[in-house]
Amino acid sequence: MNLCIQNIEVVSKDHRKILDQFSLDIGSGEVHVIMGPNGTGKSTLSKVIMGSHDYSVVSGDILYNDESILDKDIDER
């Protein structure tokens, strides 16, 4: 299993840019920790991966096992 986030740009409902050109590649069996100060987008990233309607991916892609999940419903992700 592999999760690959490729240069995503994410905006909120009120069109504020939250993530800009963020990339991350997590290979099978790997564990990654995302740390940073409040307001840097850690929780937003999780919500975007899960398909929250509070955010929109303007550009980039999120791949799980080399398949885009952006067009999938929350329960499919």
PDB file of N, CA and C in Angstrom:
ATOM      1  N   MET A   1       0.842  -1.175   0.000  1.00  0.00           N
ATOM      2  CA  MET A   1       0.000   0.000   0.000  1.00  0.00           C
ATOM      3  C   MET A   1       0.883   1.233   0.000  1.00  0.00           C
ATOM      4  N   ASN A   2       0.458   2.230  -0.721  1.00  0.00           N
ATOM      5  CA  ASN A   2       1.252   3.415  -0.908  1.00  0.00           C
ATOM      6  C   ASN A   2       0.329   4.633  -0.982  1.00  0.00           C
ATOM      7  N   LEU A   3       0.667   5.695  -0.251  1.00  0.00           N
ATOM      8  CA  LEU A   3      -0.072   6.955  -0.319  1.00  0.00           C
ATOM      9  C   LEU A   3       0.873   8.005  -0.877  1.00  0.00           C
ATOM     10  N   CYS A   4       0.455   8.635  -1.957  1.00  0.00           N
ATOM     11  CA  CYS A   4       1.288   9.647  -2.604  1.00  0.00           C
ATOM     12  C   CYS A   4       0.470  10.917  -2.803  1.00  0.00           C
ATOM     13  N   ILE A   5       0.913  11.984  -2.185  1.00  0.00           N
ATOM     14  CA  ILE A   5       0.262  13.290  -2.340  1.00  0.00           C
ATOM     15  C   ILE A   5       1.185  14.112  -3.224  1.00  0.00           C
ATOM     16  N   GLN A   6       0.640  14.569  -4.349  1.00  0.00           N
ATOM     17  CA  GLN A   6       1.470  15.239  -5.351  1.00  0.00           C
ATOM     18  C   GLN A   6       1.068  16.698  -5.532  1.00  0.00           C
ATOM     19  N   ASN A   7       1.872  17.586  -4.982  1.00  0.00           N
ATOM     20  CA  ASN A   7       1.733  19.028  -5.211  1.00  0.00           C
ATOM     21  C   ASN A   7       0.301  19.538  -5.068  1.00  0.00           C
ATOM     22  N   ILE A   8      -0.381  19.168  -3.973  1.00  0.00           N
ATOM     23  CA  ILE A   8      -1.754  19.631  -3.837  1.00  0.00           C
ATOM     24  C   ILE A   8      -1.808  21.074  -3.342  1.00  0.00           C
ATOM     25  N   GLU A   9      -2.767  21.781  -3.883  1.00  0.00           N
ATOM     26  CA  GLU A   9      -3.108  23.118  -3.418  1.00  0.00           C
ATOM     27  C   GLU A   9      -4.544  23.025  -2.925  1.00  0.00           C
ATOM     28  N   VAL A  10      -4.769  23.415  -1.673  1.00  0.00           N
ATOM     29  CA  VAL A  10      -6.074  23.259  -1.039  1.00  0.00           C
ATOM     30  C   VAL A  10      -6.576  24.620  -0.581  1.00  0.00           C
ATOM     31  N   VAL A  11      -7.866  24.879  -0.856  1.00  0.00           N
ATOM     32  CA  VAL A  11      -8.509  26.105  -0.389  1.00  0.00           C
ATOM     33  C   VAL A  11      -9.718  25.751   0.470  1.00  0.00           C
ATOM     34  N   SER A  12     -10.054  26.664   1.373  1.00  0.00           N
ATOM     35  CA  SER A  12     -11.223  26.487   2.235  1.00  0.00           C
ATOM     36  C   SER A  12     -12.467  26.967   1.494  1.00  0.00           C
ATOM     37  N   LYS A  13     -13.627  26.801   2.133  1.00  0.00           N
ATOM     38  CA  LYS A  13     -14.894  27.243   1.530  1.00  0.00           C
ATOM     39  C   LYS A  13     -14.879  28.730   1.200  1.00  0.00           C
ATOM     40  N   ASP A  14     -14.190  29.513   2.030  1.00  0.00           N
ATOM     41  CA  ASP A  14     -14.129  30.961   1.776  1.00  0.00           C
ATOM     42  C   ASP A  14     -12.929  31.340   0.898  1.00  0.00           C
ATOM     43  N   HIS A  15     -12.381  30.356   0.189  1.00  0.00           N
ATOM     44  CA  HIS A  15     -11.334  30.528  -0.827  1.00  0.00           C
ATOM     45  C   HIS A  15      -9.981  30.962  -0.269  1.00  0.00           C
ATOM     46  N   ARG A  16      -9.746  30.697   1.023  1.00  0.00           N
ATOM     47  CA  ARG A  16      -8.413  30.951   1.585  1.00  0.00           C
ATOM     48  C   ARG A  16      -7.517  29.762   1.266  1.00  0.00           C
ATOM     49  N   LYS A  17      -6.313  30.046   0.798  1.00  0.00           N
ATOM     50  CA  LYS A  17      -5.360  28.970   0.503  1.00  0.00           C
ATOM     51  C   LYS A  17      -4.837  28.411   1.816  1.00  0.00           C
ATOM     52  N   ILE A  18      -4.989  27.091   1.993  1.00  0.00           N
ATOM     53  CA  ILE A  18      -4.574  26.437   3.228  1.00  0.00           C
ATOM     54  C   ILE A  18      -3.274  25.659   3.004  1.00  0.00           C
ATOM     55  N   LEU A  19      -3.210  24.875   1.955  1.00  0.00           N
ATOM     56  CA  LEU A  19      -2.000  24.136   1.597  1.00  0.00           C
ATOM     57  C   LEU A  19      -1.568  24.577   0.209  1.00  0.00           C
ATOM     58  N   ASP A  20      -0.274  24.735   0.013  1.00  0.00           N
ATOM     59  CA  ASP A  20       0.238  25.202  -1.273  1.00  0.00           C
ATOM     60  C   ASP A  20       1.390  24.306  -1.724  1.00  0.00           C
ATOM     61  N   GLN A  21       1.154  23.563  -2.809  1.00  0.00           N
ATOM     62  CA  GLN A  21       2.177  22.699  -3.402  1.00  0.00           C
ATOM     63  C   GLN A  21       2.753  21.715  -2.381  1.00  0.00           C
ATOM     64  N   PHE A  22       1.865  21.051  -1.628  1.00  0.00           N
ATOM     65  CA  PHE A  22       2.293  20.089  -0.615  1.00  0.00           C
ATOM     66  C   PHE A  22       2.428  18.711  -1.243  1.00  0.00           C
ATOM     67  N   SER A  23       3.544  18.037  -0.966  1.00  0.00           N
ATOM     68  CA  SER A  23       3.788  16.686  -1.469  1.00  0.00           C
ATOM     69  C   SER A  23       4.268  15.789  -0.339  1.00  0.00           C
ATOM     70  N   LEU A  24       3.874  14.513  -0.423  1.00  0.00           N
ATOM     71  CA  LEU A  24       4.270  13.526   0.573  1.00  0.00           C
ATOM     72  C   LEU A  24       4.127  12.159  -0.055  1.00  0.00           C
ATOM     73  N   ASP A  25       5.084  11.288   0.188  1.00  0.00           N
ATOM     74  CA  ASP A  25       5.027   9.921  -0.339  1.00  0.00           C
ATOM     75  C   ASP A  25       5.272   8.971   0.818  1.00  0.00           C
ATOM     76  N   ILE A  26       4.276   8.137   1.120  1.00  0.00           N
ATOM     77  CA  ILE A  26       4.389   7.171   2.209  1.00  0.00           C
ATOM     78  C   ILE A  26       4.318   5.779   1.602  1.00  0.00           C
ATOM     79  N   GLY A  27       5.411   5.054   1.678  1.00  0.00           N
ATOM     80  CA  GLY A  27       5.484   3.713   1.119  1.00  0.00           C
ATOM     81  C   GLY A  27       4.917   2.669   2.064  1.00  0.00           C
ATOM     82  N   SER A  28       4.730   1.501   1.547  1.00  0.00           N
ATOM     83  CA  SER A  28       4.200   0.386   2.321  1.00  0.00           C
ATOM     84  C   SER A  28       5.089   0.100   3.525  1.00  0.00           C
ATOM     85  N   GLY A  29       4.465   0.011   4.702  1.00  0.00           N
ATOM     86  CA  GLY A  29       5.198  -0.294   5.922  1.00  0.00           C
ATOM     87  C   GLY A  29       5.875   0.893   6.583  1.00  0.00           C
ATOM     88  N   GLU A  30       5.839   2.053   5.960  1.00  0.00           N
ATOM     89  CA  GLU A  30       6.463   3.245   6.529  1.00  0.00           C
ATOM     90  C   GLU A  30       5.510   3.957   7.472  1.00  0.00           C
ATOM     91  N   VAL A  31       6.085   4.642   8.449  1.00  0.00           N
ATOM     92  CA  VAL A  31       5.326   5.477   9.371  1.00  0.00           C
ATOM     93  C   VAL A  31       5.903   6.882   9.281  1.00  0.00           C
ATOM     94  N   HIS A  32       5.031   7.868   9.076  1.00  0.00           N
ATOM     95  CA  HIS A  32       5.466   9.261   9.010  1.00  0.00           C
ATOM     96  C   HIS A  32       4.721  10.062  10.066  1.00  0.00           C
ATOM     97  N   VAL A  33       5.377  11.058  10.606  1.00  0.00           N
ATOM     98  CA  VAL A  33       4.779  11.948  11.588  1.00  0.00           C
ATOM     99  C   VAL A  33       4.796  13.349  11.007  1.00  0.00           C
ATOM    100  N   ILE A  34       3.655  14.013  11.073  1.00  0.00           N
ATOM    101  CA  ILE A  34       3.573  15.391  10.597  1.00  0.00           C
ATOM    102  C   ILE A  34       3.455  16.286  11.821  1.00  0.00           C
ATOM    103  N   MET A  35       4.424  17.178  11.971  1.00  0.00           N
ATOM    104  CA  MET A  35       4.469  18.063  13.133  1.00  0.00           C
ATOM    105  C   MET A  35       4.598  19.499  12.648  1.00  0.00           C
ATOM    106  N   GLY A  36       4.151  20.411  13.487  1.00  0.00           N
ATOM    107  CA  GLY A  36       4.295  21.823  13.173  1.00  0.00           C
ATOM    108  C   GLY A  36       3.424  22.663  14.078  1.00  0.00           C
ATOM    109  N   PRO A  37       3.602  23.971  14.006  1.00  0.00           N
ATOM    110  CA  PRO A  37       2.817  24.870  14.849  1.00  0.00           C
ATOM    111  C   PRO A  37       1.335  24.856  14.460  1.00  0.00           C
ATOM    112  N   ASN A  38       0.512  25.368  15.363  1.00  0.00           N
ATOM    113  CA  ASN A  38      -0.910  25.499  15.073  1.00  0.00           C
ATOM    114  C   ASN A  38      -1.120  26.341  13.814  1.00  0.00           C
ATOM    115  N   GLY A  39      -2.096  25.940  13.024  1.00  0.00           N
ATOM    116  CA  GLY A  39      -2.449  26.723  11.842  1.00  0.00           C
ATOM    117  C   GLY A  39      -1.625  26.443  10.609  1.00  0.00           C
ATOM    118  N   THR A  40      -0.836  25.373  10.600  1.00  0.00           N
ATOM    119  CA  THR A  40      -0.005  25.101   9.428  1.00  0.00           C
ATOM    120  C   THR A  40      -0.613  24.075   8.477  1.00  0.00           C
ATOM    121  N   GLY A  41      -1.790  23.518   8.816  1.00  0.00           N
ATOM    122  CA  GLY A  41      -2.479  22.637   7.877  1.00  0.00           C
ATOM    123  C   GLY A  41      -2.433  21.156   8.181  1.00  0.00           C
ATOM    124  N   LYS A  42      -1.983  20.771   9.360  1.00  0.00           N
ATOM    125  CA  LYS A  42      -1.896  19.339   9.689  1.00  0.00           C
ATOM    126  C   LYS A  42      -3.273  18.674   9.699  1.00  0.00           C
ATOM    127  N   SER A  43      -4.216  19.235  10.414  1.00  0.00           N
ATOM    128  CA  SER A  43      -5.571  18.679  10.473  1.00  0.00           C
ATOM    129  C   SER A  43      -6.265  18.808   9.125  1.00  0.00           C
ATOM    130  N   THR A  44      -6.029  19.900   8.452  1.00  0.00           N
ATOM    131  CA  THR A  44      -6.621  20.104   7.129  1.00  0.00           C
ATOM    132  C   THR A  44      -6.174  19.011   6.175  1.00  0.00           C
ATOM    133  N   LEU A  45      -4.914  18.638   6.219  1.00  0.00           N
ATOM    134  CA  LEU A  45      -4.409  17.579   5.355  1.00  0.00           C
ATOM    135  C   LEU A  45      -5.183  16.289   5.584  1.00  0.00           C
ATOM    136  N   SER A  46      -5.401  15.929   6.839  1.00  0.00           N
ATOM    137  CA  SER A  46      -6.165  14.715   7.156  1.00  0.00           C
ATOM    138  C   SER A  46      -7.586  14.810   6.609  1.00  0.00           C
ATOM    139  N   LYS A  47      -8.203  15.959   6.777  1.00  0.00           N
ATOM    140  CA  LYS A  47      -9.571  16.148   6.300  1.00  0.00           C
ATOM    141  C   LYS A  47      -9.649  16.083   4.781  1.00  0.00           C
ATOM    142  N   VAL A  48      -8.657  16.640   4.115  1.00  0.00           N
ATOM    143  CA  VAL A  48      -8.625  16.606   2.648  1.00  0.00           C
ATOM    144  C   VAL A  48      -8.461  15.172   2.154  1.00  0.00           C
ATOM    145  N   ILE A  49      -7.576  14.417   2.774  1.00  0.00           N
ATOM    146  CA  ILE A  49      -7.379  13.019   2.383  1.00  0.00           C
ATOM    147  C   ILE A  49      -8.683  12.242   2.530  1.00  0.00           C
ATOM    148  N   MET A  50      -9.440  12.533   3.587  1.00  0.00           N
ATOM    149  CA  MET A  50     -10.692  11.810   3.837  1.00  0.00           C
ATOM    150  C   MET A  50     -11.878  12.364   3.048  1.00  0.00           C
ATOM    151  N   GLY A  51     -11.707  13.488   2.356  1.00  0.00           N
ATOM    152  CA  GLY A  51     -12.754  13.992   1.476  1.00  0.00           C
ATOM    153  C   GLY A  51     -13.714  14.978   2.095  1.00  0.00           C
ATOM    154  N   SER A  52     -13.290  15.718   3.116  1.00  0.00           N
ATOM    155  CA  SER A  52     -14.156  16.715   3.742  1.00  0.00           C
ATOM    156  C   SER A  52     -14.640  17.730   2.714  1.00  0.00           C
ATOM    157  N   HIS A  53     -15.917  18.075   2.812  1.00  0.00           N
ATOM    158  CA  HIS A  53     -16.500  19.062   1.894  1.00  0.00           C
ATOM    159  C   HIS A  53     -16.158  20.494   2.296  1.00  0.00           C
ATOM    160  N   ASP A  54     -15.425  20.659   3.397  1.00  0.00           N
ATOM    161  CA  ASP A  54     -15.019  21.987   3.845  1.00  0.00           C
ATOM    162  C   ASP A  54     -13.834  22.531   3.053  1.00  0.00           C
ATOM    163  N   TYR A  55     -13.190  21.668   2.270  1.00  0.00           N
ATOM    164  CA  TYR A  55     -11.993  22.056   1.528  1.00  0.00           C
ATOM    165  C   TYR A  55     -12.065  21.553   0.097  1.00  0.00           C
ATOM    166  N   SER A  56     -11.381  22.253  -0.793  1.00  0.00           N
ATOM    167  CA  SER A  56     -11.315  21.836  -2.200  1.00  0.00           C
ATOM    168  C   SER A  56      -9.864  21.725  -2.627  1.00  0.00           C
ATOM    169  N   VAL A  57      -9.555  20.659  -3.356  1.00  0.00           N
ATOM    170  CA  VAL A  57      -8.228  20.509  -3.935  1.00  0.00           C
ATOM    171  C   VAL A  57      -8.260  21.211  -5.287  1.00  0.00           C
ATOM    172  N   VAL A  58      -7.504  22.305  -5.395  1.00  0.00           N
ATOM    173  CA  VAL A  58      -7.487  23.127  -6.605  1.00  0.00           C
ATOM    174  C   VAL A  58      -6.570  22.519  -7.656  1.00  0.00           C
ATOM    175  N   SER A  59      -5.455  21.971  -7.199  1.00  0.00           N
ATOM    176  CA  SER A  59      -4.525  21.338  -8.134  1.00  0.00           C
ATOM    177  C   SER A  59      -3.782  20.227  -7.399  1.00  0.00           C
ATOM    178  N   GLY A  60      -3.140  19.376  -8.168  1.00  0.00           N
ATOM    179  CA  GLY A  60      -2.422  18.244  -7.609  1.00  0.00           C
ATOM    180  C   GLY A  60      -3.315  17.019  -7.521  1.00  0.00           C
ATOM    181  N   ASP A  61      -2.812  15.973  -6.870  1.00  0.00           N
ATOM    182  CA  ASP A  61      -3.552  14.722  -6.791  1.00  0.00           C
ATOM    183  C   ASP A  61      -3.160  13.971  -5.523  1.00  0.00           C
ATOM    184  N   ILE A  62      -4.069  13.106  -5.088  1.00  0.00           N
ATOM    185  CA  ILE A  62      -3.800  12.199  -3.974  1.00  0.00           C
ATOM    186  C   ILE A  62      -4.010  10.794  -4.506  1.00  0.00           C
ATOM    187  N   LEU A  63      -2.940  10.005  -4.489  1.00  0.00           N
ATOM    188  CA  LEU A  63      -2.990   8.646  -5.029  1.00  0.00           C
ATOM    189  C   LEU A  63      -2.857   7.632  -3.899  1.00  0.00           C
ATOM    190  N   TYR A  64      -3.703   6.625  -3.947  1.00  0.00           N
ATOM    191  CA  TYR A  64      -3.582   5.495  -3.037  1.00  0.00           C
ATOM    192  C   TYR A  64      -3.417   4.258  -3.900  1.00  0.00           C
ATOM    193  N   ASN A  65      -2.300   3.577  -3.734  1.00  0.00           N
ATOM    194  CA  ASN A  65      -1.950   2.437  -4.603  1.00  0.00           C
ATOM    195  C   ASN A  65      -2.037   2.825  -6.081  1.00  0.00           C
ATOM    196  N   ASP A  66      -1.470   3.972  -6.406  1.00  0.00           N
ATOM    197  CA  ASP A  66      -1.368   4.503  -7.768  1.00  0.00           C
ATOM    198  C   ASP A  66      -2.721   4.830  -8.400  1.00  0.00           C
ATOM    199  N   GLU A  67      -3.774   4.982  -7.604  1.00  0.00           N
ATOM    200  CA  GLU A  67      -5.099   5.351  -8.104  1.00  0.00           C
ATOM    201  C   GLU A  67      -5.560   6.622  -7.393  1.00  0.00           C
ATOM    202  N   SER A  68      -6.002   7.612  -8.174  1.00  0.00           N
ATOM    203  CA  SER A  68      -6.470   8.863  -7.595  1.00  0.00           C
ATOM    204  C   SER A  68      -7.697   8.609  -6.731  1.00  0.00           C
ATOM    205  N   ILE A  69      -7.728   9.239  -5.544  1.00  0.00           N
ATOM    206  CA  ILE A  69      -8.889   9.101  -4.674  1.00  0.00           C
ATOM    207  C   ILE A  69      -9.728  10.377  -4.629  1.00  0.00           C
ATOM    208  N   LEU A  70      -9.323  11.407  -5.354  1.00  0.00           N
ATOM    209  CA  LEU A  70     -10.018  12.684  -5.272  1.00  0.00           C
ATOM    210  C   LEU A  70     -11.474  12.603  -5.722  1.00  0.00           C
ATOM    211  N   ASP A  71     -11.786  11.726  -6.649  1.00  0.00           N
ATOM    212  CA  ASP A  71     -13.160  11.624  -7.137  1.00  0.00           C
ATOM    213  C   ASP A  71     -13.977  10.581  -6.375  1.00  0.00           C
ATOM    214  N   LYS A  72     -13.400   9.982  -5.353  1.00  0.00           N
ATOM    215  CA  LYS A  72     -14.096   8.949  -4.580  1.00  0.00           C
ATOM    216  C   LYS A  72     -14.860   9.566  -3.405  1.00  0.00           C
ATOM    217  N   ASP A  73     -15.967   8.924  -3.037  1.00  0.00           N
ATOM    218  CA  ASP A  73     -16.737   9.353  -1.875  1.00  0.00           C
ATOM    219  C   ASP A  73     -15.965   9.019  -0.607  1.00  0.00           C
ATOM    220  N   ILE A  74     -16.390   9.651   0.487  1.00  0.00           N
ATOM    221  CA  ILE A  74     -15.714   9.485   1.777  1.00  0.00           C
ATOM    222  C   ILE A  74     -15.638   8.005   2.167  1.00  0.00           C
ATOM    223  N   ASP A  75     -16.717   7.277   1.996  1.00  0.00           N
ATOM    224  CA  ASP A  75     -16.724   5.859   2.420  1.00  0.00           C
ATOM    225  C   ASP A  75     -15.843   4.970   1.546  1.00  0.00           C
ATOM    226  N   GLU A  76     -15.475   5.441   0.357  1.00  0.00           N
ATOM    227  CA  GLU A  76     -14.588   4.654  -0.518  1.00  0.00           C
ATOM    228  C   GLU A  76     -13.118   4.929  -0.213  1.00  0.00           C
ATOM    229  N   ARG A  77     -12.850   6.050   0.364  1.00  0.00           N
ATOM    230  CA  ARG A  77     -11.462   6.427   0.645  1.00  0.00           C
ATOM    231  C   ARG A  77     -10.912   5.607   1.782  1.00  0.00           C
TER     232      ARG A  77
END
